[in-house]
Amino acid sequence: MEEQTKNQIDSLQGSHAFIKTSDQPVSGLSDPQKVALNRKANALFNEGNFAMAERIFVTTGYSDGLTRVGDTYAKKNDYLHALRMYLLAHNKRKSEPIIEKMSQTVSMMLKI
């Protein structure tokens, strides 16, 4: 079954047809499907295809993958996208410092 799912994912990679675009993980995926998707996303991430990996990690709700994508955004100083990934991953250790920094920035702007 897992091999069949992997083959389906590989055949659809270019069409993006299997990827949900909302921020909620797909609830109808079986564990073998999630494993296959996460393996594919890890391979894509390691190849530098962060956008496609992100879409799959969002689809599966894989918190480690979402955190690694968030780290990629943070390295590029894209803190809003990093924060989104950390929040989706439920990673408070990484999201709270960004939220604190943004809060301080807004507070300073309101004082001006």
Protein backbone atom coordinates (compact mmCIF):
# COMPACT_ATOMS: atom_id res chain seq x y z
CA MET A 1 0.00 0.00 0.00
CA GLU A 2 2.78 2.46 0.90
CA GLU A 3 4.54 1.89 -2.44
CA GLN A 4 1.27 2.52 -4.29
CA THR A 5 0.77 5.79 -2.40
CA LYS A 6 4.35 6.85 -3.16
CA ASN A 7 3.82 6.16 -6.85
CA GLN A 8 0.61 8.22 -6.83
CA ILE A 9 2.42 11.11 -5.14
CA ASP A 10 5.27 10.93 -7.63
CA SER A 11 2.86 10.97 -10.56
CA LEU A 12 1.00 14.01 -9.20
CA GLN A 13 4.02 16.03 -8.13
CA GLY A 14 3.83 18.44 -11.05
CA SER A 15 0.09 19.01 -10.86
CA HIS A 16 -0.17 19.84 -7.12
CA ALA A 17 -3.58 18.11 -7.23
CA PHE A 18 -3.06 16.22 -4.01
CA ILE A 19 -2.11 19.20 -1.91
CA LYS A 20 -4.62 21.02 0.23
CA THR A 21 -3.98 24.74 0.46
CA SER A 22 -5.58 25.54 3.83
CA ASP A 23 -3.64 25.67 7.08
CA GLN A 24 -5.33 22.61 8.55
CA PRO A 25 -3.88 19.13 8.03
CA VAL A 26 -5.94 16.76 5.92
CA SER A 27 -7.82 14.55 8.35
CA GLY A 28 -8.65 11.79 5.87
CA LEU A 29 -5.05 10.71 5.30
CA SER A 30 -4.07 7.30 6.61
CA ASP A 31 -0.84 6.88 8.55
CA PRO A 32 0.89 5.18 5.59
CA GLN A 33 -0.17 8.07 3.33
CA LYS A 34 1.20 10.63 5.80
CA VAL A 35 4.46 8.71 6.08
CA ALA A 36 4.83 8.59 2.30
CA LEU A 37 4.01 12.28 1.93
CA ASN A 38 6.40 13.28 4.71
CA ARG A 39 9.20 11.22 3.17
CA LYS A 40 8.59 12.90 -0.17
CA ALA A 41 8.52 16.33 1.49
CA ASN A 42 11.75 15.60 3.37
CA ALA A 43 13.42 14.65 0.09
CA LEU A 44 12.12 17.84 -1.56
CA PHE A 45 13.30 19.92 1.39
CA ASN A 46 16.76 18.37 1.22
CA GLU A 47 16.88 19.11 -2.52
CA GLY A 48 16.10 22.78 -1.79
CA ASN A 49 12.49 22.68 -3.03
CA PHE A 50 11.20 24.38 0.12
CA ALA A 51 7.90 25.62 -1.35
CA MET A 52 6.72 22.16 -2.37
CA ALA A 53 7.97 20.64 0.89
CA GLU A 54 6.09 23.34 2.81
CA ARG A 55 2.84 22.56 1.01
CA ILE A 56 3.13 18.89 1.84
CA PHE A 57 4.09 19.52 5.47
CA VAL A 58 1.07 21.81 5.84
CA THR A 59 -1.09 19.09 4.27
CA THR A 60 0.11 16.45 6.71
CA GLY A 61 0.59 18.72 9.72
CA TYR A 62 4.11 17.34 10.26
CA SER A 63 5.43 19.61 12.98
CA ASP A 64 9.14 18.84 12.54
CA GLY A 65 8.93 19.63 8.84
CA LEU A 66 6.95 22.80 9.49
CA THR A 67 9.57 23.90 12.01
CA ARG A 68 12.40 23.30 9.54
CA VAL A 69 10.56 25.32 6.89
CA GLY A 70 10.04 28.05 9.49
CA ASP A 71 13.76 28.02 10.24
CA THR A 72 14.43 28.48 6.52
CA TYR A 73 12.17 31.55 6.47
CA ALA A 74 13.79 32.90 9.65
CA LYS A 75 17.26 32.61 8.08
CA LYS A 76 15.95 34.79 5.24
CA ASN A 77 14.61 37.32 7.80
CA ASP A 78 11.06 36.51 6.67
CA TYR A 79 9.68 36.39 10.18
CA LEU A 80 5.98 36.53 9.31
CA HIS A 81 6.23 33.36 7.23
CA ALA A 82 8.48 31.78 9.85
CA LEU A 83 5.93 32.61 12.53
CA ARG A 84 3.14 31.03 10.47
CA MET A 85 5.12 27.80 10.16
CA TYR A 86 5.98 27.75 13.86
CA LEU A 87 2.36 28.34 14.83
CA LEU A 88 1.19 25.55 12.53
CA ALA A 89 3.83 23.31 14.13
CA HIS A 90 2.63 24.35 17.62
CA ASN A 91 6.24 25.28 18.36
CA LYS A 92 5.98 27.84 21.16
CA ARG A 93 9.73 27.88 21.77
CA LYS A 94 10.27 29.34 18.30
CA SER A 95 7.05 31.35 17.87
CA GLU A 96 7.00 33.23 21.18
CA PRO A 97 10.25 35.18 20.64
CA ILE A 98 8.98 36.36 17.25
CA ILE A 99 5.64 37.36 18.74
CA GLU A 100 7.46 39.23 21.52
CA LYS A 101 9.65 41.07 19.03
CA MET A 102 6.63 42.01 16.90
CA SER A 103 4.77 43.21 19.99
CA GLN A 104 7.69 45.43 20.96
CA THR A 105 7.84 46.83 17.44
CA VAL A 106 4.13 47.67 17.44
CA SER A 107 4.41 49.23 20.88
CA MET A 108 7.28 51.43 19.73
CA MET A 109 5.31 52.47 16.64
CA LEU A 110 2.30 53.41 18.75
CA LYS A 111 4.45 55.63 20.97
CA ILE A 112 5.67 57.68 18.00
